[in-house]
């Protein structure tokens, strides 16, 4: 694990295996905004891992709540954007972690009043 990251921020496997793809992927996925919170999937830390397999990519994603009404749409948008950015068939896995504000990008979780 990258010791520079706070413990709840994701570290994608693709950062080690295909670092040249990370910036474009982050930029692409940052266009998917949670309509209720007004923040994107990267800012919220919803994309927990990205793996490159031999013939496809796997994105592990969570939602801010299991019953998020926009969840299915956000997950499919994430799959499509990742597939476009990576240029390879992409699958989505629904992660088992429960989301909390400590998963957000640094500085964004300070406004939630939970600490």
PDB file of N, CA and C in Angstrom:
ATOM      1  N   UNK A   1       0.838  -1.191   0.000  1.00  0.00           N
ATOM      2  CA  UNK A   1       0.000   0.000   0.000  1.00  0.00           C
ATOM      3  C   UNK A   1       0.873   1.240   0.000  1.00  0.00           C
ATOM      4  N   UNK A   2       0.484   2.214  -0.754  1.00  0.00           N
ATOM      5  CA  UNK A   2       1.205   3.470  -0.816  1.00  0.00           C
ATOM      6  C   UNK A   2       1.051   4.203   0.508  1.00  0.00           C
ATOM      7  N   UNK A   3       2.136   4.414   1.224  1.00  0.00           N
ATOM      8  CA  UNK A   3       2.081   5.032   2.551  1.00  0.00           C
ATOM      9  C   UNK A   3       1.787   6.520   2.498  1.00  0.00           C
ATOM     10  N   UNK A   4       1.816   7.123   1.306  1.00  0.00           N
ATOM     11  CA  UNK A   4       1.497   8.536   1.183  1.00  0.00           C
ATOM     12  C   UNK A   4      -0.001   8.789   1.236  1.00  0.00           C
ATOM     13  N   UNK A   5      -0.816   7.773   0.982  1.00  0.00           N
ATOM     14  CA  UNK A   5      -2.266   7.917   0.974  1.00  0.00           C
ATOM     15  C   UNK A   5      -2.835   7.660   2.358  1.00  0.00           C
ATOM     16  N   UNK A   6      -3.843   8.445   2.776  1.00  0.00           N
ATOM     17  CA  UNK A   6      -4.557   8.090   3.997  1.00  0.00           C
ATOM     18  C   UNK A   6      -5.137   6.687   3.844  1.00  0.00           C
ATOM     19  N   UNK A   7      -5.389   5.985   4.949  1.00  0.00           N
ATOM     20  CA  UNK A   7      -5.740   4.564   4.876  1.00  0.00           C
ATOM     21  C   UNK A   7      -7.004   4.220   4.106  1.00  0.00           C
ATOM     22  N   UNK A   8      -7.968   5.109   3.978  1.00  0.00           N
ATOM     23  CA  UNK A   8      -9.217   4.767   3.300  1.00  0.00           C
ATOM     24  C   UNK A   8      -9.263   5.169   1.830  1.00  0.00           C
ATOM     25  N   UNK A   9      -8.231   5.818   1.321  1.00  0.00           N
ATOM     26  CA  UNK A   9      -8.218   6.158  -0.096  1.00  0.00           C
ATOM     27  C   UNK A   9      -7.852   4.913  -0.901  1.00  0.00           C
ATOM     28  N   UNK A  10      -8.477   4.744  -2.067  1.00  0.00           N
ATOM     29  CA  UNK A  10      -8.191   3.533  -2.852  1.00  0.00           C
ATOM     30  C   UNK A  10      -6.802   3.562  -3.457  1.00  0.00           C
ATOM     31  N   UNK A  11      -6.229   2.389  -3.615  1.00  0.00           N
ATOM     32  CA  UNK A  11      -5.016   2.238  -4.405  1.00  0.00           C
ATOM     33  C   UNK A  11      -5.319   1.202  -5.475  1.00  0.00           C
ATOM     34  N   UNK A  12      -5.317   1.636  -6.710  1.00  0.00           N
ATOM     35  CA  UNK A  12      -5.672   0.781  -7.828  1.00  0.00           C
ATOM     36  C   UNK A  12      -4.479  -0.070  -8.248  1.00  0.00           C
ATOM     37  N   UNK A  13      -4.733  -1.331  -8.546  1.00  0.00           N
ATOM     38  CA  UNK A  13      -3.668  -2.203  -9.050  1.00  0.00           C
ATOM     39  C   UNK A  13      -3.079  -1.669 -10.350  1.00  0.00           C
ATOM     40  N   UNK A  14      -3.901  -1.014 -11.147  1.00  0.00           N
ATOM     41  CA  UNK A  14      -3.444  -0.478 -12.434  1.00  0.00           C
ATOM     42  C   UNK A  14      -2.341   0.575 -12.254  1.00  0.00           C
ATOM     43  N   UNK A  15      -2.293   1.190 -11.068  1.00  0.00           N
ATOM     44  CA  UNK A  15      -1.234   2.177 -10.799  1.00  0.00           C
ATOM     45  C   UNK A  15       0.153   1.531 -10.859  1.00  0.00           C
ATOM     46  N   UNK A  16       0.223   0.255 -10.500  1.00  0.00           N
ATOM     47  CA  UNK A  16       1.494  -0.467 -10.529  1.00  0.00           C
ATOM     48  C   UNK A  16       1.725  -1.213 -11.835  1.00  0.00           C
ATOM     49  N   UNK A  17       0.650  -1.711 -12.449  1.00  0.00           N
ATOM     50  CA  UNK A  17       0.807  -2.535 -13.646  1.00  0.00           C
ATOM     51  C   UNK A  17       0.775  -1.743 -14.949  1.00  0.00           C
ATOM     52  N   UNK A  18      -0.021  -0.665 -14.990  1.00  0.00           N
ATOM     53  CA  UNK A  18      -0.167   0.144 -16.205  1.00  0.00           C
ATOM     54  C   UNK A  18      -0.266   1.626 -15.825  1.00  0.00           C
ATOM     55  N   UNK A  19       0.767   2.184 -15.202  1.00  0.00           N
ATOM     56  CA  UNK A  19       0.679   3.567 -14.708  1.00  0.00           C
ATOM     57  C   UNK A  19       0.403   4.597 -15.807  1.00  0.00           C
ATOM     58  N   UNK A  20       0.753   4.268 -17.037  1.00  0.00           N
ATOM     59  CA  UNK A  20       0.532   5.182 -18.153  1.00  0.00           C
ATOM     60  C   UNK A  20      -0.953   5.391 -18.462  1.00  0.00           C
ATOM     61  N   UNK A  21      -1.826   4.515 -17.962  1.00  0.00           N
ATOM     62  CA  UNK A  21      -3.267   4.619 -18.229  1.00  0.00           C
ATOM     63  C   UNK A  21      -4.036   5.360 -17.132  1.00  0.00           C
ATOM     64  N   UNK A  22      -3.400   5.587 -15.990  1.00  0.00           N
ATOM     65  CA  UNK A  22      -4.107   6.080 -14.805  1.00  0.00           C
ATOM     66  C   UNK A  22      -4.654   7.494 -14.985  1.00  0.00           C
ATOM     67  N   UNK A  23      -3.859   8.431 -15.473  1.00  0.00           N
ATOM     68  CA  UNK A  23      -4.313   9.819 -15.577  1.00  0.00           C
ATOM     69  C   UNK A  23      -5.535   9.954 -16.481  1.00  0.00           C
ATOM     70  N   UNK A  24      -5.499   9.318 -17.633  1.00  0.00           N
ATOM     71  CA  UNK A  24      -6.631   9.390 -18.556  1.00  0.00           C
ATOM     72  C   UNK A  24      -7.864   8.726 -17.952  1.00  0.00           C
ATOM     73  N   UNK A  25      -7.659   7.624 -17.247  1.00  0.00           N
ATOM     74  CA  UNK A  25      -8.778   6.939 -16.609  1.00  0.00           C
ATOM     75  C   UNK A  25      -9.396   7.807 -15.518  1.00  0.00           C
ATOM     76  N   UNK A  26      -8.570   8.406 -14.679  1.00  0.00           N
ATOM     77  CA  UNK A  26      -9.092   9.293 -13.625  1.00  0.00           C
ATOM     78  C   UNK A  26      -9.862  10.461 -14.230  1.00  0.00           C
ATOM     79  N   UNK A  27      -9.322  11.043 -15.283  1.00  0.00           N
ATOM     80  CA  UNK A  27      -9.995  12.161 -15.939  1.00  0.00           C
ATOM     81  C   UNK A  27     -11.352  11.724 -16.494  1.00  0.00           C
ATOM     82  N   UNK A  28     -11.391  10.568 -17.110  1.00  0.00           N
ATOM     83  CA  UNK A  28     -12.624  10.044 -17.676  1.00  0.00           C
ATOM     84  C   UNK A  28     -13.662   9.760 -16.587  1.00  0.00           C
ATOM     85  N   UNK A  29     -13.238   9.090 -15.519  1.00  0.00           N
ATOM     86  CA  UNK A  29     -14.164   8.738 -14.450  1.00  0.00           C
ATOM     87  C   UNK A  29     -14.606   9.936 -13.620  1.00  0.00           C
ATOM     88  N   UNK A  30     -13.827  11.002 -13.653  1.00  0.00           N
ATOM     89  CA  UNK A  30     -14.214  12.199 -12.898  1.00  0.00           C
ATOM     90  C   UNK A  30     -15.399  12.924 -13.542  1.00  0.00           C
ATOM     91  N   UNK A  31     -15.805  12.491 -14.715  1.00  0.00           N
ATOM     92  CA  UNK A  31     -16.968  13.089 -15.379  1.00  0.00           C
ATOM     93  C   UNK A  31     -18.284  12.484 -14.905  1.00  0.00           C
ATOM     94  N   UNK A  32     -18.205  11.426 -14.095  1.00  0.00           N
ATOM     95  CA  UNK A  32     -19.410  10.779 -13.577  1.00  0.00           C
ATOM     96  C   UNK A  32     -19.699  11.353 -12.197  1.00  0.00           C
ATOM     97  N   UNK A  33     -20.764  12.136 -12.112  1.00  0.00           N
ATOM     98  CA  UNK A  33     -21.087  12.875 -10.892  1.00  0.00           C
ATOM     99  C   UNK A  33     -22.289  12.248 -10.200  1.00  0.00           C
ATOM    100  N   UNK A  34     -22.164  12.091  -8.885  1.00  0.00           N
ATOM    101  CA  UNK A  34     -23.306  11.652  -8.075  1.00  0.00           C
ATOM    102  C   UNK A  34     -24.272  12.834  -8.022  1.00  0.00           C
ATOM    103  N   UNK A  35     -25.472  12.709  -8.600  1.00  0.00           N
ATOM    104  CA  UNK A  35     -26.383  13.850  -8.690  1.00  0.00           C
ATOM    105  C   UNK A  35     -26.860  14.368  -7.331  1.00  0.00           C
ATOM    106  N   UNK A  36     -26.886  13.519  -6.333  1.00  0.00           N
ATOM    107  CA  UNK A  36     -27.339  13.963  -5.013  1.00  0.00           C
ATOM    108  C   UNK A  36     -26.263  14.741  -4.264  1.00  0.00           C
ATOM    109  N   UNK A  37     -24.997  14.356  -4.439  1.00  0.00           N
ATOM    110  CA  UNK A  37     -23.914  14.984  -3.693  1.00  0.00           C
ATOM    111  C   UNK A  37     -23.156  16.032  -4.502  1.00  0.00           C
ATOM    112  N   UNK A  38     -23.265  15.969  -5.828  1.00  0.00           N
ATOM    113  CA  UNK A  38     -22.586  16.942  -6.670  1.00  0.00           C
ATOM    114  C   UNK A  38     -21.086  16.732  -6.759  1.00  0.00           C
ATOM    115  N   UNK A  39     -20.611  15.572  -6.356  1.00  0.00           N
ATOM    116  CA  UNK A  39     -19.196  15.239  -6.454  1.00  0.00           C
ATOM    117  C   UNK A  39     -19.049  14.018  -7.358  1.00  0.00           C
ATOM    118  N   UNK A  40     -17.871  13.879  -7.971  1.00  0.00           N
ATOM    119  CA  UNK A  40     -17.697  12.769  -8.914  1.00  0.00           C
ATOM    120  C   UNK A  40     -17.169  11.510  -8.232  1.00  0.00           C
ATOM    121  N   UNK A  41     -17.143  10.436  -8.997  1.00  0.00           N
ATOM    122  CA  UNK A  41     -16.756   9.125  -8.452  1.00  0.00           C
ATOM    123  C   UNK A  41     -15.332   9.114  -7.908  1.00  0.00           C
ATOM    124  N   UNK A  42     -14.452   9.897  -8.501  1.00  0.00           N
ATOM    125  CA  UNK A  42     -13.064   9.962  -8.030  1.00  0.00           C
ATOM    126  C   UNK A  42     -13.008  10.735  -6.720  1.00  0.00           C
ATOM    127  N   UNK A  43     -13.651  11.895  -6.672  1.00  0.00           N
ATOM    128  CA  UNK A  43     -13.659  12.693  -5.450  1.00  0.00           C
ATOM    129  C   UNK A  43     -14.241  11.920  -4.267  1.00  0.00           C
ATOM    130  N   UNK A  44     -15.273  11.144  -4.527  1.00  0.00           N
ATOM    131  CA  UNK A  44     -15.939  10.391  -3.463  1.00  0.00           C
ATOM    132  C   UNK A  44     -15.197   9.105  -3.082  1.00  0.00           C
ATOM    133  N   UNK A  45     -14.248   8.679  -3.904  1.00  0.00           N
ATOM    134  CA  UNK A  45     -13.513   7.449  -3.622  1.00  0.00           C
ATOM    135  C   UNK A  45     -14.329   6.196  -3.888  1.00  0.00           C
ATOM    136  N   UNK A  46     -15.283   6.286  -4.808  1.00  0.00           N
ATOM    137  CA  UNK A  46     -16.165   5.155  -5.088  1.00  0.00           C
ATOM    138  C   UNK A  46     -15.498   4.057  -5.911  1.00  0.00           C
ATOM    139  N   UNK A  47     -14.536   4.426  -6.732  1.00  0.00           N
ATOM    140  CA  UNK A  47     -13.819   3.437  -7.528  1.00  0.00           C
ATOM    141  C   UNK A  47     -12.675   2.924  -6.652  1.00  0.00           C
ATOM    142  N   UNK A  48     -12.849   1.727  -6.126  1.00  0.00           N
ATOM    143  CA  UNK A  48     -11.927   1.194  -5.127  1.00  0.00           C
ATOM    144  C   UNK A  48     -10.732   0.466  -5.737  1.00  0.00           C
ATOM    145  N   UNK A  49     -10.890  -0.064  -6.951  1.00  0.00           N
ATOM    146  CA  UNK A  49      -9.768  -0.743  -7.590  1.00  0.00           C
ATOM    147  C   UNK A  49     -10.018  -0.837  -9.088  1.00  0.00           C
ATOM    148  N   UNK A  50      -8.937  -0.867  -9.836  1.00  0.00           N
ATOM    149  CA  UNK A  50      -8.983  -1.117 -11.284  1.00  0.00           C
ATOM    150  C   UNK A  50      -7.874  -2.106 -11.579  1.00  0.00           C
ATOM    151  N   UNK A  51      -8.249  -3.211 -12.191  1.00  0.00           N
ATOM    152  CA  UNK A  51      -7.297  -4.270 -12.535  1.00  0.00           C
ATOM    153  C   UNK A  51      -7.338  -4.514 -14.037  1.00  0.00           C
ATOM    154  N   UNK A  52      -6.182  -4.733 -14.603  1.00  0.00           N
ATOM    155  CA  UNK A  52      -6.098  -5.145 -15.999  1.00  0.00           C
ATOM    156  C   UNK A  52      -5.868  -6.642 -16.028  1.00  0.00           C
ATOM    157  N   UNK A  53      -6.762  -7.354 -16.701  1.00  0.00           N
ATOM    158  CA  UNK A  53      -6.615  -8.787 -16.915  1.00  0.00           C
ATOM    159  C   UNK A  53      -6.114  -8.983 -18.339  1.00  0.00           C
ATOM    160  N   UNK A  54      -5.961 -10.218 -18.755  1.00  0.00           N
ATOM    161  CA  UNK A  54      -5.427 -10.486 -20.091  1.00  0.00           C
ATOM    162  C   UNK A  54      -6.317  -9.921 -21.196  1.00  0.00           C
ATOM    163  N   UNK A  55      -7.639 -10.108 -21.069  1.00  0.00           N
ATOM    164  CA  UNK A  55      -8.539  -9.688 -22.146  1.00  0.00           C
ATOM    165  C   UNK A  55      -9.631  -8.725 -21.702  1.00  0.00           C
ATOM    166  N   UNK A  56      -9.544  -8.213 -20.481  1.00  0.00           N
ATOM    167  CA  UNK A  56     -10.537  -7.256 -19.992  1.00  0.00           C
ATOM    168  C   UNK A  56     -10.014  -6.524 -18.756  1.00  0.00           C
ATOM    169  N   UNK A  57     -10.711  -5.485 -18.380  1.00  0.00           N
ATOM    170  CA  UNK A  57     -10.403  -4.755 -17.144  1.00  0.00           C
ATOM    171  C   UNK A  57     -11.538  -5.002 -16.156  1.00  0.00           C
ATOM    172  N   UNK A  58     -11.225  -4.880 -14.877  1.00  0.00           N
ATOM    173  CA  UNK A  58     -12.226  -5.030 -13.826  1.00  0.00           C
ATOM    174  C   UNK A  58     -12.156  -3.800 -12.930  1.00  0.00           C
ATOM    175  N   UNK A  59     -13.272  -3.117 -12.824  1.00  0.00           N
ATOM    176  CA  UNK A  59     -13.388  -1.961 -11.942  1.00  0.00           C
ATOM    177  C   UNK A  59     -14.223  -2.387 -10.738  1.00  0.00           C
ATOM    178  N   UNK A  60     -13.659  -2.228  -9.554  1.00  0.00           N
ATOM    179  CA  UNK A  60     -14.402  -2.490  -8.328  1.00  0.00           C
ATOM    180  C   UNK A  60     -14.894  -1.150  -7.809  1.00  0.00           C
ATOM    181  N   UNK A  61     -16.196  -1.062  -7.634  1.00  0.00           N
ATOM    182  CA  UNK A  61     -16.833   0.203  -7.274  1.00  0.00           C
ATOM    183  C   UNK A  61     -17.817  -0.020  -6.134  1.00  0.00           C
ATOM    184  N   UNK A  62     -17.940   0.982  -5.290  1.00  0.00           N
ATOM    185  CA  UNK A  62     -18.956   0.972  -4.243  1.00  0.00           C
ATOM    186  C   UNK A  62     -19.849   2.187  -4.450  1.00  0.00           C
ATOM    187  N   UNK A  63     -20.917   2.262  -3.684  1.00  0.00           N
ATOM    188  CA  UNK A  63     -21.821   3.411  -3.733  1.00  0.00           C
ATOM    189  C   UNK A  63     -21.872   4.051  -2.347  1.00  0.00           C
ATOM    190  N   UNK A  64     -22.330   5.290  -2.291  1.00  0.00           N
ATOM    191  CA  UNK A  64     -22.394   5.966  -1.000  1.00  0.00           C
ATOM    192  C   UNK A  64     -23.408   5.311  -0.070  1.00  0.00           C
ATOM    193  N   UNK A  65     -24.400   4.658  -0.652  1.00  0.00           N
ATOM    194  CA  UNK A  65     -25.379   3.887   0.099  1.00  0.00           C
ATOM    195  C   UNK A  65     -25.830   2.728  -0.775  1.00  0.00           C
ATOM    196  N   UNK A  66     -26.081   1.564  -0.190  1.00  0.00           N
ATOM    197  CA  UNK A  66     -26.481   0.423  -1.018  1.00  0.00           C
ATOM    198  C   UNK A  66     -27.777   0.653  -1.793  1.00  0.00           C
ATOM    199  N   UNK A  67     -28.598   1.577  -1.331  1.00  0.00           N
ATOM    200  CA  UNK A  67     -29.884   1.819  -1.982  1.00  0.00           C
ATOM    201  C   UNK A  67     -29.895   3.118  -2.784  1.00  0.00           C
ATOM    202  N   UNK A  68     -28.726   3.552  -3.203  1.00  0.00           N
ATOM    203  CA  UNK A  68     -28.602   4.773  -3.992  1.00  0.00           C
ATOM    204  C   UNK A  68     -29.466   4.647  -5.248  1.00  0.00           C
ATOM    205  N   UNK A  69     -30.429   5.567  -5.433  1.00  0.00           N
ATOM    206  CA  UNK A  69     -31.303   5.447  -6.603  1.00  0.00           C
ATOM    207  C   UNK A  69     -30.559   5.624  -7.929  1.00  0.00           C
ATOM    208  N   UNK A  70     -29.404   6.269  -7.884  1.00  0.00           N
ATOM    209  CA  UNK A  70     -28.620   6.488  -9.099  1.00  0.00           C
ATOM    210  C   UNK A  70     -27.537   5.426  -9.277  1.00  0.00           C
ATOM    211  N   UNK A  71     -27.437   4.490  -8.343  1.00  0.00           N
ATOM    212  CA  UNK A  71     -26.372   3.489  -8.350  1.00  0.00           C
ATOM    213  C   UNK A  71     -26.228   2.719  -9.642  1.00  0.00           C
ATOM    214  N   UNK A  72     -27.278   2.074 -10.127  1.00  0.00           N
ATOM    215  CA  UNK A  72     -27.130   1.300 -11.369  1.00  0.00           C
ATOM    216  C   UNK A  72     -26.654   2.160 -12.545  1.00  0.00           C
ATOM    217  N   UNK A  73     -27.177   3.359 -12.654  1.00  0.00           N
ATOM    218  CA  UNK A  73     -26.774   4.253 -13.733  1.00  0.00           C
ATOM    219  C   UNK A  73     -25.312   4.688 -13.583  1.00  0.00           C
ATOM    220  N   UNK A  74     -24.915   5.011 -12.353  1.00  0.00           N
ATOM    221  CA  UNK A  74     -23.529   5.433 -12.116  1.00  0.00           C
ATOM    222  C   UNK A  74     -22.554   4.288 -12.386  1.00  0.00           C
ATOM    223  N   UNK A  75     -22.937   3.077 -12.010  1.00  0.00           N
ATOM    224  CA  UNK A  75     -22.050   1.936 -12.234  1.00  0.00           C
ATOM    225  C   UNK A  75     -21.901   1.638 -13.729  1.00  0.00           C
ATOM    226  N   UNK A  76     -22.993   1.718 -14.467  1.00  0.00           N
ATOM    227  CA  UNK A  76     -22.910   1.482 -15.907  1.00  0.00           C
ATOM    228  C   UNK A  76     -22.131   2.608 -16.596  1.00  0.00           C
ATOM    229  N   UNK A  77     -22.324   3.835 -16.170  1.00  0.00           N
ATOM    230  CA  UNK A  77     -21.549   4.951 -16.730  1.00  0.00           C
ATOM    231  C   UNK A  77     -20.065   4.772 -16.442  1.00  0.00           C
ATOM    232  N   UNK A  78     -19.741   4.312 -15.247  1.00  0.00           N
ATOM    233  CA  UNK A  78     -18.346   4.059 -14.874  1.00  0.00           C
ATOM    234  C   UNK A  78     -17.760   2.971 -15.759  1.00  0.00           C
ATOM    235  N   UNK A  79     -18.504   1.905 -15.977  1.00  0.00           N
ATOM    236  CA  UNK A  79     -18.036   0.823 -16.838  1.00  0.00           C
ATOM    237  C   UNK A  79     -17.749   1.328 -18.244  1.00  0.00           C
ATOM    238  N   UNK A  80     -18.699   2.103 -18.790  1.00  0.00           N
ATOM    239  CA  UNK A  80     -18.532   2.617 -20.157  1.00  0.00           C
ATOM    240  C   UNK A  80     -17.340   3.565 -20.271  1.00  0.00           C
ATOM    241  N   UNK A  81     -17.209   4.493 -19.315  1.00  0.00           N
ATOM    242  CA  UNK A  81     -16.100   5.457 -19.355  1.00  0.00           C
ATOM    243  C   UNK A  81     -14.759   4.742 -19.213  1.00  0.00           C
ATOM    244  N   UNK A  82     -14.699   3.752 -18.317  1.00  0.00           N
ATOM    245  CA  UNK A  82     -13.452   3.001 -18.148  1.00  0.00           C
ATOM    246  C   UNK A  82     -13.122   2.241 -19.433  1.00  0.00           C
ATOM    247  N   UNK A  83     -14.126   1.635 -20.035  1.00  0.00           N
ATOM    248  CA  UNK A  83     -13.917   0.882 -21.271  1.00  0.00           C
ATOM    249  C   UNK A  83     -13.402   1.793 -22.384  1.00  0.00           C
ATOM    250  N   UNK A  84     -13.991   2.992 -22.499  1.00  0.00           N
ATOM    251  CA  UNK A  84     -13.541   3.961 -23.505  1.00  0.00           C
ATOM    252  C   UNK A  84     -12.095   4.388 -23.244  1.00  0.00           C
ATOM    253  N   UNK A  85     -11.804   4.688 -21.998  1.00  0.00           N
ATOM    254  CA  UNK A  85     -10.478   5.187 -21.638  1.00  0.00           C
ATOM    255  C   UNK A  85      -9.403   4.116 -21.781  1.00  0.00           C
ATOM    256  N   UNK A  86      -9.706   2.903 -21.346  1.00  0.00           N
ATOM    257  CA  UNK A  86      -8.717   1.831 -21.364  1.00  0.00           C
ATOM    258  C   UNK A  86      -8.633   1.110 -22.704  1.00  0.00           C
ATOM    259  N   UNK A  87      -9.683   1.231 -23.518  1.00  0.00           N
ATOM    260  CA  UNK A  87      -9.691   0.591 -24.821  1.00  0.00           C
ATOM    261  C   UNK A  87      -9.797  -0.923 -24.740  1.00  0.00           C
ATOM    262  N   UNK A  88     -10.446  -1.419 -23.693  1.00  0.00           N
ATOM    263  CA  UNK A  88     -10.581  -2.859 -23.505  1.00  0.00           C
ATOM    264  C   UNK A  88     -11.921  -3.126 -22.814  1.00  0.00           C
ATOM    265  N   UNK A  89     -12.525  -4.274 -23.100  1.00  0.00           N
ATOM    266  CA  UNK A  89     -13.767  -4.656 -22.438  1.00  0.00           C
ATOM    267  C   UNK A  89     -13.597  -4.519 -20.931  1.00  0.00           C
ATOM    268  N   UNK A  90     -14.586  -3.916 -20.291  1.00  0.00           N
ATOM    269  CA  UNK A  90     -14.496  -3.644 -18.854  1.00  0.00           C
ATOM    270  C   UNK A  90     -15.718  -4.178 -18.133  1.00  0.00           C
ATOM    271  N   UNK A  91     -15.468  -4.795 -16.997  1.00  0.00           N
ATOM    272  CA  UNK A  91     -16.527  -5.318 -16.137  1.00  0.00           C
ATOM    273  C   UNK A  91     -16.526  -4.536 -14.832  1.00  0.00           C
ATOM    274  N   UNK A  92     -17.703  -4.467 -14.198  1.00  0.00           N
ATOM    275  CA  UNK A  92     -17.832  -3.794 -12.903  1.00  0.00           C
ATOM    276  C   UNK A  92     -18.106  -4.838 -11.834  1.00  0.00           C
ATOM    277  N   UNK A  93     -17.350  -4.763 -10.763  1.00  0.00           N
ATOM    278  CA  UNK A  93     -17.642  -5.544  -9.564  1.00  0.00           C
ATOM    279  C   UNK A  93     -18.154  -4.585  -8.504  1.00  0.00           C
ATOM    280  N   UNK A  94     -19.215  -4.974  -7.827  1.00  0.00           N
ATOM    281  CA  UNK A  94     -19.719  -4.168  -6.724  1.00  0.00           C
ATOM    282  C   UNK A  94     -18.917  -4.546  -5.483  1.00  0.00           C
ATOM    283  N   UNK A  95     -18.180  -3.589  -4.944  1.00  0.00           N
ATOM    284  CA  UNK A  95     -17.326  -3.840  -3.792  1.00  0.00           C
ATOM    285  C   UNK A  95     -18.115  -4.093  -2.516  1.00  0.00           C
ATOM    286  N   UNK A  96     -17.450  -4.688  -1.551  1.00  0.00           N
ATOM    287  CA  UNK A  96     -18.100  -5.047  -0.296  1.00  0.00           C
ATOM    288  C   UNK A  96     -17.890  -4.009   0.808  1.00  0.00           C
ATOM    289  N   UNK A  97     -17.036  -3.016   0.574  1.00  0.00           N
ATOM    290  CA  UNK A  97     -16.797  -1.991   1.585  1.00  0.00           C
ATOM    291  C   UNK A  97     -18.021  -1.093   1.731  1.00  0.00           C
ATOM    292  N   UNK A  98     -18.248  -0.613   2.938  1.00  0.00           N
ATOM    293  CA  UNK A  98     -19.256   0.417   3.156  1.00  0.00           C
ATOM    294  C   UNK A  98     -18.587   1.767   3.001  1.00  0.00           C
ATOM    295  N   UNK A  99     -19.195   2.625   2.204  1.00  0.00           N
ATOM    296  CA  UNK A  99     -18.619   3.945   1.973  1.00  0.00           C
ATOM    297  C   UNK A  99     -18.728   4.801   3.223  1.00  0.00           C
ATOM    298  N   UNK A 100     -17.712   5.625   3.447  1.00  0.00           N
ATOM    299  CA  UNK A 100     -17.795   6.669   4.467  1.00  0.00           C
ATOM    300  C   UNK A 100     -16.952   7.850   4.003  1.00  0.00           C
ATOM    301  N   UNK A 101     -17.178   9.026   4.570  1.00  0.00           N
ATOM    302  CA  UNK A 101     -16.511  10.237   4.071  1.00  0.00           C
ATOM    303  C   UNK A 101     -14.984  10.207   4.117  1.00  0.00           C
ATOM    304  N   UNK A 102     -14.376   9.306   4.896  1.00  0.00           N
ATOM    305  CA  UNK A 102     -12.915   9.241   4.910  1.00  0.00           C
ATOM    306  C   UNK A 102     -12.355   8.685   3.604  1.00  0.00           C
ATOM    307  N   UNK A 103     -13.217   8.181   2.740  1.00  0.00           N
ATOM    308  CA  UNK A 103     -12.786   7.651   1.444  1.00  0.00           C
ATOM    309  C   UNK A 103     -12.671   8.752   0.390  1.00  0.00           C
ATOM    310  N   UNK A 104     -13.100   9.945   0.744  1.00  0.00           N
ATOM    311  CA  UNK A 104     -13.094  11.059  -0.202  1.00  0.00           C
ATOM    312  C   UNK A 104     -11.685  11.618  -0.364  1.00  0.00           C
ATOM    313  N   UNK A 105     -11.488  12.348  -1.476  1.00  0.00           N
ATOM    314  CA  UNK A 105     -10.210  13.013  -1.703  1.00  0.00           C
ATOM    315  C   UNK A 105      -9.918  13.955  -0.536  1.00  0.00           C
ATOM    316  N   UNK A 106      -8.644  14.137  -0.283  1.00  0.00           N
ATOM    317  CA  UNK A 106      -8.211  14.975   0.829  1.00  0.00           C
ATOM    318  C   UNK A 106      -8.838  16.368   0.743  1.00  0.00           C
ATOM    319  N   UNK A 107      -9.332  16.842   1.875  1.00  0.00           N
ATOM    320  CA  UNK A 107      -9.931  18.163   1.962  1.00  0.00           C
ATOM    321  C   UNK A 107     -11.428  18.196   1.719  1.00  0.00           C
ATOM    322  N   UNK A 108     -11.967  17.185   1.042  1.00  0.00           N
ATOM    323  CA  UNK A 108     -13.402  17.193   0.739  1.00  0.00           C
ATOM    324  C   UNK A 108     -14.230  16.663   1.906  1.00  0.00           C
ATOM    325  N   UNK A 109     -13.664  15.803   2.731  1.00  0.00           N
ATOM    326  CA  UNK A 109     -14.446  15.231   3.820  1.00  0.00           C
ATOM    327  C   UNK A 109     -14.536  16.155   5.035  1.00  0.00           C
ATOM    328  N   UNK A 110     -13.809  17.259   5.021  1.00  0.00           N
ATOM    329  CA  UNK A 110     -13.810  18.168   6.169  1.00  0.00           C
ATOM    330  C   UNK A 110     -15.133  18.883   6.335  1.00  0.00           C
ATOM    331  N   UNK A 111     -15.905  19.010   5.297  1.00  0.00           N
ATOM    332  CA  UNK A 111     -17.156  19.788   5.346  1.00  0.00           C
ATOM    333  C   UNK A 111     -18.361  18.969   5.771  1.00  0.00           C
ATOM    334  N   UNK A 112     -18.177  17.716   6.103  1.00  0.00           N
ATOM    335  CA  UNK A 112     -19.318  16.859   6.417  1.00  0.00           C
ATOM    336  C   UNK A 112     -19.742  16.965   7.880  1.00  0.00           C
ATOM    337  N   UNK A 113     -18.911  17.558   8.729  1.00  0.00           N
ATOM    338  CA  UNK A 113     -19.268  17.740  10.128  1.00  0.00           C
ATOM    339  C   UNK A 113     -19.378  16.452  10.905  1.00  0.00           C
ATOM    340  N   UNK A 114     -18.680  15.414  10.497  1.00  0.00           N
ATOM    341  CA  UNK A 114     -18.770  14.126  11.165  1.00  0.00           C
ATOM    342  C   UNK A 114     -17.589  13.866  12.097  1.00  0.00           C
ATOM    343  N   UNK A 115     -16.637  14.776  12.148  1.00  0.00           N
ATOM    344  CA  UNK A 115     -15.424  14.515  12.947  1.00  0.00           C
ATOM    345  C   UNK A 115     -15.282  15.522  14.050  1.00  0.00           C
TER     346      UNK A 115
END
